[in-house]
């Protein structure tokens, strides 16, 4: 499994650490805004995310798109390889 195919690894690679883990989920402070309480949940086995602060969620591709501000084709390429592509 490459780094970009797993939400937890991608968060860790960008300096985000889980605030708590329980019942198969990891909770983080949102990587998309400042907050005091962790509201960003990753379901570990399903590799999906949900941000309770914004109501947004999805899979690794949608997370990659939002985190890096890239389009779907680039996100799909990057989540299938182990390197960021220039375009």
C-alpha atoms as a PDB file:
ATOM      1  CA  UNK A   1       0.000   0.000   0.000  1.00  0.00           C
ATOM      2  CA  UNK A   2       1.421   3.365  -0.943  1.00  0.00           C
ATOM      3  CA  UNK A   3       1.342   6.422   1.313  1.00  0.00           C
ATOM      4  CA  UNK A   4      -1.266   8.270  -0.745  1.00  0.00           C
ATOM      5  CA  UNK A   5      -3.801   5.417  -0.711  1.00  0.00           C
ATOM      6  CA  UNK A   6      -4.446   5.654   3.029  1.00  0.00           C
ATOM      7  CA  UNK A   7      -5.998   8.691   4.739  1.00  0.00           C
ATOM      8  CA  UNK A   8      -4.241   8.049   8.071  1.00  0.00           C
ATOM      9  CA  UNK A   9      -0.806   7.874   6.403  1.00  0.00           C
ATOM     10  CA  UNK A  10      -1.530  11.002   4.394  1.00  0.00           C
ATOM     11  CA  UNK A  11      -2.535  12.897   7.533  1.00  0.00           C
ATOM     12  CA  UNK A  12       0.579  11.733   9.373  1.00  0.00           C
ATOM     13  CA  UNK A  13       2.822  12.690   6.431  1.00  0.00           C
ATOM     14  CA  UNK A  14       1.371  16.211   6.663  1.00  0.00           C
ATOM     15  CA  UNK A  15       1.979  16.515  10.413  1.00  0.00           C
ATOM     16  CA  UNK A  16      -1.497  15.678  11.718  1.00  0.00           C
ATOM     17  CA  UNK A  17      -1.778  13.302  14.669  1.00  0.00           C
ATOM     18  CA  UNK A  18      -4.932  11.637  15.952  1.00  0.00           C
ATOM     19  CA  UNK A  19      -6.377  13.316  19.030  1.00  0.00           C
ATOM     20  CA  UNK A  20      -8.134  10.067  19.967  1.00  0.00           C
ATOM     21  CA  UNK A  21      -8.933   6.638  18.576  1.00  0.00           C
ATOM     22  CA  UNK A  22     -11.922   4.532  19.485  1.00  0.00           C
ATOM     23  CA  UNK A  23     -14.293   1.999  17.957  1.00  0.00           C
ATOM     24  CA  UNK A  24     -12.340   1.740  14.696  1.00  0.00           C
ATOM     25  CA  UNK A  25     -12.202   5.499  14.145  1.00  0.00           C
ATOM     26  CA  UNK A  26      -9.508   8.126  14.531  1.00  0.00           C
ATOM     27  CA  UNK A  27     -10.441  11.708  15.468  1.00  0.00           C
ATOM     28  CA  UNK A  28      -8.352  14.690  14.385  1.00  0.00           C
ATOM     29  CA  UNK A  29      -8.463  18.426  14.537  1.00  0.00           C
ATOM     30  CA  UNK A  30      -9.586  19.356  11.045  1.00  0.00           C
ATOM     31  CA  UNK A  31      -6.759  19.810   8.538  1.00  0.00           C
ATOM     32  CA  UNK A  32      -8.933  22.409   6.797  1.00  0.00           C
ATOM     33  CA  UNK A  33      -9.440  24.967   9.593  1.00  0.00           C
ATOM     34  CA  UNK A  34      -8.521  25.910  13.146  1.00  0.00           C
ATOM     35  CA  UNK A  35     -10.621  24.335  15.892  1.00  0.00           C
ATOM     36  CA  UNK A  36     -10.435  23.534  19.599  1.00  0.00           C
ATOM     37  CA  UNK A  37     -12.199  20.169  19.587  1.00  0.00           C
ATOM     38  CA  UNK A  38     -11.420  17.365  17.112  1.00  0.00           C
ATOM     39  CA  UNK A  39     -14.291  17.098  14.635  1.00  0.00           C
ATOM     40  CA  UNK A  40     -12.587  15.286  11.765  1.00  0.00           C
ATOM     41  CA  UNK A  41     -13.243  11.537  11.831  1.00  0.00           C
ATOM     42  CA  UNK A  42     -11.538   8.809   9.814  1.00  0.00           C
ATOM     43  CA  UNK A  43     -13.082   5.348   9.745  1.00  0.00           C
ATOM     44  CA  UNK A  44      -9.906   3.269   9.774  1.00  0.00           C
ATOM     45  CA  UNK A  45     -11.080   0.060   8.058  1.00  0.00           C
ATOM     46  CA  UNK A  46     -13.226   1.757   5.417  1.00  0.00           C
ATOM     47  CA  UNK A  47     -10.626   4.506   4.717  1.00  0.00           C
ATOM     48  CA  UNK A  48     -13.288   7.234   4.603  1.00  0.00           C
ATOM     49  CA  UNK A  49     -13.460  10.616   6.333  1.00  0.00           C
ATOM     50  CA  UNK A  50     -16.115  12.996   7.634  1.00  0.00           C
ATOM     51  CA  UNK A  51     -15.671  16.556   8.873  1.00  0.00           C
ATOM     52  CA  UNK A  52     -18.465  17.276  11.346  1.00  0.00           C
ATOM     53  CA  UNK A  53     -17.609  20.974  11.288  1.00  0.00           C
ATOM     54  CA  UNK A  54     -18.475  21.338   7.606  1.00  0.00           C
ATOM     55  CA  UNK A  55     -20.618  18.295   6.890  1.00  0.00           C
ATOM     56  CA  UNK A  56     -18.200  17.154   4.169  1.00  0.00           C
ATOM     57  CA  UNK A  57     -16.777  13.691   3.794  1.00  0.00           C
ATOM     58  CA  UNK A  58     -15.718  11.043   1.348  1.00  0.00           C
ATOM     59  CA  UNK A  59     -12.996   8.648   0.320  1.00  0.00           C
ATOM     60  CA  UNK A  60      -9.252   9.006  -0.191  1.00  0.00           C
ATOM     61  CA  UNK A  61      -9.697  10.701  -3.582  1.00  0.00           C
ATOM     62  CA  UNK A  62     -12.011  13.419  -2.246  1.00  0.00           C
ATOM     63  CA  UNK A  63      -9.723  13.946   0.750  1.00  0.00           C
ATOM     64  CA  UNK A  64      -6.652  14.256  -1.488  1.00  0.00           C
ATOM     65  CA  UNK A  65      -8.505  16.730  -3.740  1.00  0.00           C
ATOM     66  CA  UNK A  66      -9.464  18.939  -0.800  1.00  0.00           C
ATOM     67  CA  UNK A  67      -6.126  18.715   1.022  1.00  0.00           C
ATOM     68  CA  UNK A  68      -3.978  19.515  -2.015  1.00  0.00           C
ATOM     69  CA  UNK A  69      -6.512  21.610  -3.971  1.00  0.00           C
ATOM     70  CA  UNK A  70      -6.225  19.441  -7.091  1.00  0.00           C
ATOM     71  CA  UNK A  71      -8.717  18.052  -9.596  1.00  0.00           C
ATOM     72  CA  UNK A  72     -10.090  14.507  -9.580  1.00  0.00           C
ATOM     73  CA  UNK A  73      -7.804  13.057 -12.303  1.00  0.00           C
ATOM     74  CA  UNK A  74      -4.676  14.225 -10.484  1.00  0.00           C
ATOM     75  CA  UNK A  75      -5.991  12.972  -7.140  1.00  0.00           C
ATOM     76  CA  UNK A  76      -6.793   9.583  -8.663  1.00  0.00           C
ATOM     77  CA  UNK A  77      -3.304   9.314 -10.197  1.00  0.00           C
ATOM     78  CA  UNK A  78      -1.640  10.244  -6.925  1.00  0.00           C
ATOM     79  CA  UNK A  79      -3.657   7.871  -4.781  1.00  0.00           C
ATOM     80  CA  UNK A  80      -2.586   5.027  -7.091  1.00  0.00           C
ATOM     81  CA  UNK A  81       1.137   5.865  -6.983  1.00  0.00           C
ATOM     82  CA  UNK A  82       3.630   6.715  -4.282  1.00  0.00           C
ATOM     83  CA  UNK A  83       4.626  10.153  -5.585  1.00  0.00           C
ATOM     84  CA  UNK A  84       2.960  13.502  -6.157  1.00  0.00           C
ATOM     85  CA  UNK A  85       2.664  14.193  -9.864  1.00  0.00           C
ATOM     86  CA  UNK A  86       3.385  17.724 -11.120  1.00  0.00           C
ATOM     87  CA  UNK A  87       0.038  17.901 -12.952  1.00  0.00           C
END
